Amino acid sequence: MVSRALWDFQIPELAGYKFIFSRQFFITGELGYFVYRVPNYFPGQASSTGGLSIAPSVGVQFGVFELGIRSDVIVNHGDLSAVGFLLGWNF
C-alpha cells in the first residue's frame, strides 16, 4: 500500500524581502497564496485547500551559502503549517 503522503504536494506563490542586518545574519518575510492538494486513491476525487500564506525565516550566510529556519503558515487554515530548514546558495 502506498502512503498518501507520497502524493501530497504544495504550490506556493510567494513574494518577499530579505533584510541582511549584519555581515552574515538575515531575516526574510514572504507573503502570498498557498495551495495544498491531497489526491485521493480514486480518480477525480482529489481535494485541495489554500489561502493567504505568511512565511518568515531567519538565517546566516557564509559567502554564497546560507543556512536558516523557516515557518510556512496558511492564515485561514490554522491547522496547515510547516517548519523547515533552509540550505541554499546565492548566485
PDB file of N, CA and C in Angstrom:
ATOM      1  N   MET A   1       0.843  -1.178   0.000  1.00  0.00           N
ATOM      2  CA  MET A   1       0.000   0.000   0.000  1.00  0.00           C
ATOM      3  C   MET A   1       0.891   1.246   0.000  1.00  0.00           C
ATOM      4  N   VAL A   2       0.589   2.188  -0.853  1.00  0.00           N
ATOM      5  CA  VAL A   2       1.368   3.424  -0.966  1.00  0.00           C
ATOM      6  C   VAL A   2       0.780   4.472  -0.035  1.00  0.00           C
ATOM      7  N   SER A   3       1.645   5.128   0.705  1.00  0.00           N
ATOM      8  CA  SER A   3       1.196   6.180   1.622  1.00  0.00           C
ATOM      9  C   SER A   3       0.647   7.366   0.844  1.00  0.00           C
ATOM     10  N   ARG A   4      -0.438   7.945   1.330  1.00  0.00           N
ATOM     11  CA  ARG A   4      -0.997   9.138   0.690  1.00  0.00           C
ATOM     12  C   ARG A   4      -0.038  10.313   0.763  1.00  0.00           C
ATOM     13  N   ALA A   5       0.812  10.334   1.786  1.00  0.00           N
ATOM     14  CA  ALA A   5       1.741  11.459   1.944  1.00  0.00           C
ATOM     15  C   ALA A   5       2.718  11.557   0.777  1.00  0.00           C
ATOM     16  N   LEU A   6       2.989  10.448   0.081  1.00  0.00           N
ATOM     17  CA  LEU A   6       3.890  10.487  -1.060  1.00  0.00           C
ATOM     18  C   LEU A   6       3.289  11.250  -2.231  1.00  0.00           C
ATOM     19  N   TRP A   7       1.970  11.375  -2.272  1.00  0.00           N
ATOM     20  CA  TRP A   7       1.302  12.022  -3.388  1.00  0.00           C
ATOM     21  C   TRP A   7       0.830  13.427  -3.061  1.00  0.00           C
ATOM     22  N   ASP A   8       0.943  13.876  -1.833  1.00  0.00           N
ATOM     23  CA  ASP A   8       0.550  15.229  -1.458  1.00  0.00           C
ATOM     24  C   ASP A   8       1.566  16.219  -2.015  1.00  0.00           C
ATOM     25  N   PHE A   9       1.103  17.390  -2.426  1.00  0.00           N
ATOM     26  CA  PHE A   9       2.057  18.410  -2.840  1.00  0.00           C
ATOM     27  C   PHE A   9       1.503  19.785  -2.568  1.00  0.00           C
ATOM     28  N   GLN A  10       2.422  20.740  -2.495  1.00  0.00           N
ATOM     29  CA  GLN A  10       2.086  22.115  -2.146  1.00  0.00           C
ATOM     30  C   GLN A  10       2.597  23.035  -3.244  1.00  0.00           C
ATOM     31  N   ILE A  11       1.788  24.052  -3.575  1.00  0.00           N
ATOM     32  CA  ILE A  11       2.171  25.015  -4.605  1.00  0.00           C
ATOM     33  C   ILE A  11       2.123  26.417  -3.999  1.00  0.00           C
ATOM     34  N   PRO A  12       3.278  26.991  -3.620  1.00  0.00           N
ATOM     35  CA  PRO A  12       3.278  28.351  -3.085  1.00  0.00           C
ATOM     36  C   PRO A  12       3.535  29.394  -4.170  1.00  0.00           C
ATOM     37  N   GLU A  13       2.892  30.511  -4.036  1.00  0.00           N
ATOM     38  CA  GLU A  13       3.163  31.706  -4.854  1.00  0.00           C
ATOM     39  C   GLU A  13       3.475  32.813  -3.862  1.00  0.00           C
ATOM     40  N   LEU A  14       4.753  33.060  -3.623  1.00  0.00           N
ATOM     41  CA  LEU A  14       5.171  33.986  -2.576  1.00  0.00           C
ATOM     42  C   LEU A  14       6.068  35.081  -3.138  1.00  0.00           C
ATOM     43  N   ALA A  15       5.990  36.246  -2.522  1.00  0.00           N
ATOM     44  CA  ALA A  15       6.900  37.355  -2.807  1.00  0.00           C
ATOM     45  C   ALA A  15       7.349  37.911  -1.465  1.00  0.00           C
ATOM     46  N   GLY A  16       8.591  38.348  -1.392  1.00  0.00           N
ATOM     47  CA  GLY A  16       9.058  38.830  -0.106  1.00  0.00           C
ATOM     48  C   GLY A  16      10.312  39.667  -0.199  1.00  0.00           C
ATOM     49  N   TYR A  17      10.878  39.907   0.970  1.00  0.00           N
ATOM     50  CA  TYR A  17      12.054  40.758   1.079  1.00  0.00           C
ATOM     51  C   TYR A  17      13.046  40.133   2.051  1.00  0.00           C
ATOM     52  N   LYS A  18      14.318  40.134   1.678  1.00  0.00           N
ATOM     53  CA  LYS A  18      15.387  39.621   2.531  1.00  0.00           C
ATOM     54  C   LYS A  18      16.173  40.806   3.072  1.00  0.00           C
ATOM     55  N   PHE A  19      16.220  40.911   4.396  1.00  0.00           N
ATOM     56  CA  PHE A  19      16.933  42.008   5.049  1.00  0.00           C
ATOM     57  C   PHE A  19      18.165  41.451   5.748  1.00  0.00           C
ATOM     58  N   ILE A  20      19.331  41.888   5.320  1.00  0.00           N
ATOM     59  CA  ILE A  20      20.595  41.456   5.930  1.00  0.00           C
ATOM     60  C   ILE A  20      20.973  42.510   6.956  1.00  0.00           C
ATOM     61  N   PHE A  21      20.910  42.141   8.257  1.00  0.00           N
ATOM     62  CA  PHE A  21      21.127  43.146   9.295  1.00  0.00           C
ATOM     63  C   PHE A  21      22.521  43.133   9.886  1.00  0.00           C
ATOM     64  N   SER A  22      23.379  42.266   9.459  1.00  0.00           N
ATOM     65  CA  SER A  22      24.805  42.346   9.765  1.00  0.00           C
ATOM     66  C   SER A  22      25.523  41.689   8.590  1.00  0.00           C
ATOM     67  N   ARG A  23      26.791  41.445   8.719  1.00  0.00           N
ATOM     68  CA  ARG A  23      27.519  40.877   7.588  1.00  0.00           C
ATOM     69  C   ARG A  23      26.969  39.535   7.144  1.00  0.00           C
ATOM     70  N   GLN A  24      26.424  38.733   8.081  1.00  0.00           N
ATOM     71  CA  GLN A  24      26.004  37.397   7.693  1.00  0.00           C
ATOM     72  C   GLN A  24      24.616  36.983   8.166  1.00  0.00           C
ATOM     73  N   PHE A  25      23.983  37.715   9.049  1.00  0.00           N
ATOM     74  CA  PHE A  25      22.667  37.336   9.556  1.00  0.00           C
ATOM     75  C   PHE A  25      21.560  38.021   8.762  1.00  0.00           C
ATOM     76  N   PHE A  26      20.457  37.284   8.501  1.00  0.00           N
ATOM     77  CA  PHE A  26      19.365  37.858   7.731  1.00  0.00           C
ATOM     78  C   PHE A  26      18.016  37.402   8.280  1.00  0.00           C
ATOM     79  N   ILE A  27      16.994  38.178   7.956  1.00  0.00           N
ATOM     80  CA  ILE A  27      15.609  37.780   8.183  1.00  0.00           C
ATOM     81  C   ILE A  27      14.873  37.980   6.848  1.00  0.00           C
ATOM     82  N   THR A  28      13.898  37.143   6.612  1.00  0.00           N
ATOM     83  CA  THR A  28      13.134  37.206   5.379  1.00  0.00           C
ATOM     84  C   THR A  28      11.657  37.112   5.714  1.00  0.00           C
ATOM     85  N   GLY A  29      10.868  37.927   5.066  1.00  0.00           N
ATOM     86  CA  GLY A  29       9.417  37.836   5.199  1.00  0.00           C
ATOM     87  C   GLY A  29       8.797  37.671   3.832  1.00  0.00           C
ATOM     88  N   GLU A  30       7.906  36.692   3.700  1.00  0.00           N
ATOM     89  CA  GLU A  30       7.231  36.451   2.427  1.00  0.00           C
ATOM     90  C   GLU A  30       5.726  36.381   2.651  1.00  0.00           C
ATOM     91  N   LEU A  31       4.979  36.827   1.669  1.00  0.00           N
ATOM     92  CA  LEU A  31       3.526  36.841   1.731  1.00  0.00           C
ATOM     93  C   LEU A  31       3.008  36.379   0.368  1.00  0.00           C
ATOM     94  N   GLY A  32       1.959  35.592   0.374  1.00  0.00           N
ATOM     95  CA  GLY A  32       1.423  35.126  -0.893  1.00  0.00           C
ATOM     96  C   GLY A  32       0.250  34.192  -0.723  1.00  0.00           C
ATOM     97  N   TYR A  33       0.033  33.344  -1.720  1.00  0.00           N
ATOM     98  CA  TYR A  33      -1.070  32.395  -1.731  1.00  0.00           C
ATOM     99  C   TYR A  33      -0.489  30.991  -1.799  1.00  0.00           C
ATOM    100  N   PHE A  34      -1.093  30.067  -1.078  1.00  0.00           N
ATOM    101  CA  PHE A  34      -0.584  28.717  -0.925  1.00  0.00           C
ATOM    102  C   PHE A  34      -1.704  27.737  -1.264  1.00  0.00           C
ATOM    103  N   VAL A  35      -1.420  26.739  -2.089  1.00  0.00           N
ATOM    104  CA  VAL A  35      -2.386  25.699  -2.428  1.00  0.00           C
ATOM    105  C   VAL A  35      -1.819  24.367  -1.959  1.00  0.00           C
ATOM    106  N   TYR A  36      -2.616  23.619  -1.216  1.00  0.00           N
ATOM    107  CA  TYR A  36      -2.230  22.302  -0.723  1.00  0.00           C
ATOM    108  C   TYR A  36      -3.201  21.296  -1.318  1.00  0.00           C
ATOM    109  N   ARG A  37      -2.700  20.379  -2.112  1.00  0.00           N
ATOM    110  CA  ARG A  37      -3.552  19.429  -2.829  1.00  0.00           C
ATOM    111  C   ARG A  37      -3.306  18.019  -2.304  1.00  0.00           C
ATOM    112  N   VAL A  38      -4.411  17.316  -1.979  1.00  0.00           N
ATOM    113  CA  VAL A  38      -4.343  15.950  -1.486  1.00  0.00           C
ATOM    114  C   VAL A  38      -5.147  15.063  -2.436  1.00  0.00           C
ATOM    115  N   PRO A  39      -4.474  14.316  -3.313  1.00  0.00           N
ATOM    116  CA  PRO A  39      -5.205  13.430  -4.211  1.00  0.00           C
ATOM    117  C   PRO A  39      -5.797  12.245  -3.451  1.00  0.00           C
ATOM    118  N   ASN A  40      -6.854  11.682  -3.971  1.00  0.00           N
ATOM    119  CA  ASN A  40      -7.484  10.511  -3.394  1.00  0.00           C
ATOM    120  C   ASN A  40      -7.038   9.287  -4.183  1.00  0.00           C
ATOM    121  N   TYR A  41      -7.316   8.121  -3.676  1.00  0.00           N
ATOM    122  CA  TYR A  41      -6.953   6.902  -4.381  1.00  0.00           C
ATOM    123  C   TYR A  41      -7.777   6.688  -5.639  1.00  0.00           C
ATOM    124  N   PHE A  42      -8.965   7.272  -5.710  1.00  0.00           N
ATOM    125  CA  PHE A  42      -9.839   7.110  -6.859  1.00  0.00           C
ATOM    126  C   PHE A  42      -9.768   8.350  -7.743  1.00  0.00           C
ATOM    127  N   PRO A  43      -9.703   8.209  -9.058  1.00  0.00           N
ATOM    128  CA  PRO A  43      -9.592   9.369  -9.954  1.00  0.00           C
ATOM    129  C   PRO A  43     -10.767  10.336  -9.802  1.00  0.00           C
ATOM    130  N   GLY A  44     -10.453  11.607  -9.871  1.00  0.00           N
ATOM    131  CA  GLY A  44     -11.481  12.629  -9.819  1.00  0.00           C
ATOM    132  C   GLY A  44     -11.963  12.983  -8.432  1.00  0.00           C
ATOM    133  N   GLN A  45     -11.370  12.437  -7.388  1.00  0.00           N
ATOM    134  CA  GLN A  45     -11.819  12.710  -6.028  1.00  0.00           C
ATOM    135  C   GLN A  45     -10.760  13.416  -5.191  1.00  0.00           C
ATOM    136  N   ALA A  46      -9.864  14.126  -5.826  1.00  0.00           N
ATOM    137  CA  ALA A  46      -8.833  14.854  -5.096  1.00  0.00           C
ATOM    138  C   ALA A  46      -9.442  16.068  -4.403  1.00  0.00           C
ATOM    139  N   SER A  47      -8.849  16.446  -3.300  1.00  0.00           N
ATOM    140  CA  SER A  47      -9.297  17.645  -2.596  1.00  0.00           C
ATOM    141  C   SER A  47      -8.129  18.614  -2.484  1.00  0.00           C
ATOM    142  N   SER A  48      -8.450  19.880  -2.419  1.00  0.00           N
ATOM    143  CA  SER A  48      -7.397  20.879  -2.260  1.00  0.00           C
ATOM    144  C   SER A  48      -7.913  21.998  -1.370  1.00  0.00           C
ATOM    145  N   THR A  49      -6.980  22.667  -0.747  1.00  0.00           N
ATOM    146  CA  THR A  49      -7.291  23.813   0.081  1.00  0.00           C
ATOM    147  C   THR A  49      -6.187  24.834  -0.124  1.00  0.00           C
ATOM    148  N   GLY A  50      -6.433  26.053   0.236  1.00  0.00           N
ATOM    149  CA  GLY A  50      -5.426  27.086   0.065  1.00  0.00           C
ATOM    150  C   GLY A  50      -5.818  28.328   0.818  1.00  0.00           C
ATOM    151  N   GLY A  51      -4.959  29.303   0.770  1.00  0.00           N
ATOM    152  CA  GLY A  51      -5.252  30.550   1.437  1.00  0.00           C
ATOM    153  C   GLY A  51      -4.049  31.449   1.513  1.00  0.00           C
ATOM    154  N   LEU A  52      -4.214  32.545   2.205  1.00  0.00           N
ATOM    155  CA  LEU A  52      -3.150  33.514   2.422  1.00  0.00           C
ATOM    156  C   LEU A  52      -2.023  32.858   3.201  1.00  0.00           C
ATOM    157  N   SER A  53      -0.809  33.035   2.736  1.00  0.00           N
ATOM    158  CA  SER A  53       0.350  32.401   3.352  1.00  0.00           C
ATOM    159  C   SER A  53       1.347  33.451   3.825  1.00  0.00           C
ATOM    160  N   ILE A  54       1.891  33.220   5.007  1.00  0.00           N
ATOM    161  CA  ILE A  54       2.957  34.055   5.567  1.00  0.00           C
ATOM    162  C   ILE A  54       4.124  33.130   5.877  1.00  0.00           C
ATOM    163  N   ALA A  55       5.321  33.500   5.434  1.00  0.00           N
ATOM    164  CA  ALA A  55       6.491  32.652   5.613  1.00  0.00           C
ATOM    165  C   ALA A  55       7.685  33.462   6.108  1.00  0.00           C
ATOM    166  N   PRO A  56       7.831  33.624   7.427  1.00  0.00           N
ATOM    167  CA  PRO A  56       9.026  34.291   7.946  1.00  0.00           C
ATOM    168  C   PRO A  56      10.185  33.298   8.082  1.00  0.00           C
ATOM    169  N   SER A  57      11.408  33.788   7.954  1.00  0.00           N
ATOM    170  CA  SER A  57      12.584  32.944   8.152  1.00  0.00           C
ATOM    171  C   SER A  57      13.740  33.776   8.681  1.00  0.00           C
ATOM    172  N   VAL A  58      14.654  33.104   9.333  1.00  0.00           N
ATOM    173  CA  VAL A  58      15.883  33.717   9.836  1.00  0.00           C
ATOM    174  C   VAL A  58      17.035  32.800   9.451  1.00  0.00           C
ATOM    175  N   GLY A  59      18.211  33.380   9.282  1.00  0.00           N
ATOM    176  CA  GLY A  59      19.337  32.544   8.914  1.00  0.00           C
ATOM    177  C   GLY A  59      20.653  33.273   8.940  1.00  0.00           C
ATOM    178  N   VAL A  60      21.654  32.559   8.475  1.00  0.00           N
ATOM    179  CA  VAL A  60      23.013  33.068   8.450  1.00  0.00           C
ATOM    180  C   VAL A  60      23.621  32.737   7.082  1.00  0.00           C
ATOM    181  N   GLN A  61      24.424  33.657   6.555  1.00  0.00           N
ATOM    182  CA  GLN A  61      25.102  33.481   5.276  1.00  0.00           C
ATOM    183  C   GLN A  61      26.583  33.277   5.489  1.00  0.00           C
ATOM    184  N   PHE A  62      27.167  32.355   4.719  1.00  0.00           N
ATOM    185  CA  PHE A  62      28.610  32.118   4.709  1.00  0.00           C
ATOM    186  C   PHE A  62      29.071  32.224   3.265  1.00  0.00           C
ATOM    187  N   GLY A  63      29.451  33.413   2.844  1.00  0.00           N
ATOM    188  CA  GLY A  63      29.813  33.622   1.445  1.00  0.00           C
ATOM    189  C   GLY A  63      28.592  33.465   0.564  1.00  0.00           C
ATOM    190  N   VAL A  64      28.611  32.477  -0.317  1.00  0.00           N
ATOM    191  CA  VAL A  64      27.472  32.245  -1.193  1.00  0.00           C
ATOM    192  C   VAL A  64      26.466  31.253  -0.605  1.00  0.00           C
ATOM    193  N   PHE A  65      26.798  30.578   0.493  1.00  0.00           N
ATOM    194  CA  PHE A  65      25.910  29.595   1.108  1.00  0.00           C
ATOM    195  C   PHE A  65      25.115  30.216   2.245  1.00  0.00           C
ATOM    196  N   GLU A  66      23.928  29.665   2.500  1.00  0.00           N
ATOM    197  CA  GLU A  66      23.128  30.142   3.630  1.00  0.00           C
ATOM    198  C   GLU A  66      22.419  28.977   4.308  1.00  0.00           C
ATOM    199  N   LEU A  67      22.240  29.119   5.622  1.00  0.00           N
ATOM    200  CA  LEU A  67      21.503  28.183   6.463  1.00  0.00           C
ATOM    201  C   LEU A  67      20.451  28.966   7.218  1.00  0.00           C
ATOM    202  N   GLY A  68      19.283  28.366   7.441  1.00  0.00           N
ATOM    203  CA  GLY A  68      18.241  29.081   8.163  1.00  0.00           C
ATOM    204  C   GLY A  68      17.114  28.173   8.599  1.00  0.00           C
ATOM    205  N   ILE A  69      16.149  28.767   9.263  1.00  0.00           N
ATOM    206  CA  ILE A  69      14.936  28.077   9.685  1.00  0.00           C
ATOM    207  C   ILE A  69      13.752  28.906   9.203  1.00  0.00           C
ATOM    208  N   ARG A  70      12.689  28.230   8.771  1.00  0.00           N
ATOM    209  CA  ARG A  70      11.564  28.909   8.135  1.00  0.00           C
ATOM    210  C   ARG A  70      10.253  28.305   8.622  1.00  0.00           C
ATOM    211  N   SER A  71       9.240  29.133   8.709  1.00  0.00           N
ATOM    212  CA  SER A  71       7.900  28.684   9.086  1.00  0.00           C
ATOM    213  C   SER A  71       6.913  29.127   8.019  1.00  0.00           C
ATOM    214  N   ASP A  72       6.156  28.188   7.465  1.00  0.00           N
ATOM    215  CA  ASP A  72       5.092  28.494   6.499  1.00  0.00           C
ATOM    216  C   ASP A  72       3.752  28.296   7.184  1.00  0.00           C
ATOM    217  N   VAL A  73       2.921  29.330   7.181  1.00  0.00           N
ATOM    218  CA  VAL A  73       1.615  29.264   7.827  1.00  0.00           C
ATOM    219  C   VAL A  73       0.548  29.720   6.836  1.00  0.00           C
ATOM    220  N   ILE A  74      -0.504  28.911   6.677  1.00  0.00           N
ATOM    221  CA  ILE A  74      -1.657  29.325   5.885  1.00  0.00           C
ATOM    222  C   ILE A  74      -2.639  29.957   6.854  1.00  0.00           C
ATOM    223  N   VAL A  75      -2.928  31.244   6.685  1.00  0.00           N
ATOM    224  CA  VAL A  75      -3.650  32.037   7.669  1.00  0.00           C
ATOM    225  C   VAL A  75      -5.074  31.552   7.891  1.00  0.00           C
ATOM    226  N   ASN A  76      -5.841  31.294   6.839  1.00  0.00           N
ATOM    227  CA  ASN A  76      -7.235  30.943   7.040  1.00  0.00           C
ATOM    228  C   ASN A  76      -7.465  29.444   7.236  1.00  0.00           C
ATOM    229  N   HIS A  77      -6.419  28.682   7.398  1.00  0.00           N
ATOM    230  CA  HIS A  77      -6.498  27.269   7.774  1.00  0.00           C
ATOM    231  C   HIS A  77      -5.441  27.036   8.844  1.00  0.00           C
ATOM    232  N   GLY A  78      -5.771  27.276  10.096  1.00  0.00           N
ATOM    233  CA  GLY A  78      -4.797  27.250  11.182  1.00  0.00           C
ATOM    234  C   GLY A  78      -4.101  25.923  11.382  1.00  0.00           C
ATOM    235  N   ASP A  79      -4.684  24.828  10.873  1.00  0.00           N
ATOM    236  CA  ASP A  79      -4.065  23.536  11.083  1.00  0.00           C
ATOM    237  C   ASP A  79      -3.016  23.198  10.026  1.00  0.00           C
ATOM    238  N   LEU A  80      -2.828  24.032   9.017  1.00  0.00           N
ATOM    239  CA  LEU A  80      -1.832  23.788   7.982  1.00  0.00           C
ATOM    240  C   LEU A  80      -0.647  24.725   8.162  1.00  0.00           C
ATOM    241  N   SER A  81       0.422  24.202   8.695  1.00  0.00           N
ATOM    242  CA  SER A  81       1.645  24.975   8.832  1.00  0.00           C
ATOM    243  C   SER A  81       2.821  24.009   8.837  1.00  0.00           C
ATOM    244  N   ALA A  82       3.983  24.531   8.539  1.00  0.00           N
ATOM    245  CA  ALA A  82       5.181  23.706   8.491  1.00  0.00           C
ATOM    246  C   ALA A  82       6.376  24.523   8.939  1.00  0.00           C
ATOM    247  N   VAL A  83       7.317  23.866   9.577  1.00  0.00           N
ATOM    248  CA  VAL A  83       8.592  24.470   9.947  1.00  0.00           C
ATOM    249  C   VAL A  83       9.662  23.662   9.234  1.00  0.00           C
ATOM    250  N   GLY A  84      10.570  24.363   8.586  1.00  0.00           N
ATOM    251  CA  GLY A  84      11.611  23.666   7.846  1.00  0.00           C
ATOM    252  C   GLY A  84      12.950  24.349   7.968  1.00  0.00           C
ATOM    253  N   PHE A  85      13.965  23.704   7.471  1.00  0.00           N
ATOM    254  CA  PHE A  85      15.313  24.242   7.481  1.00  0.00           C
ATOM    255  C   PHE A  85      15.698  24.648   6.074  1.00  0.00           C
ATOM    256  N   LEU A  86      16.436  25.747   5.953  1.00  0.00           N
ATOM    257  CA  LEU A  86      16.901  26.244   4.663  1.00  0.00           C
ATOM    258  C   LEU A  86      18.361  25.879   4.476  1.00  0.00           C
ATOM    259  N   LEU A  87      18.696  25.422   3.303  1.00  0.00           N
ATOM    260  CA  LEU A  87      20.069  25.206   2.903  1.00  0.00           C
ATOM    261  C   LEU A  87      20.137  25.633   1.448  1.00  0.00           C
ATOM    262  N   GLY A  88      20.929  26.632   1.154  1.00  0.00           N
ATOM    263  CA  GLY A  88      20.952  27.129  -0.215  1.00  0.00           C
ATOM    264  C   GLY A  88      22.208  27.906  -0.527  1.00  0.00           C
ATOM    265  N   TRP A  89      22.234  28.420  -1.730  1.00  0.00           N
ATOM    266  CA  TRP A  89      23.325  29.284  -2.128  1.00  0.00           C
ATOM    267  C   TRP A  89      22.790  30.429  -2.954  1.00  0.00           C
ATOM    268  N   ASN A  90      23.499  31.535  -2.897  1.00  0.00           N
ATOM    269  CA  ASN A  90      23.138  32.740  -3.644  1.00  0.00           C
ATOM    270  C   ASN A  90      23.956  32.780  -4.920  1.00  0.00           C
ATOM    271  N   PHE A  91      23.294  33.129  -5.989  1.00  0.00           N
ATOM    272  CA  PHE A  91      24.014  33.224  -7.263  1.00  0.00           C
ATOM    273  C   PHE A  91      23.703  34.511  -7.962  1.00  0.00           C
TER     274      PHE A  91
END
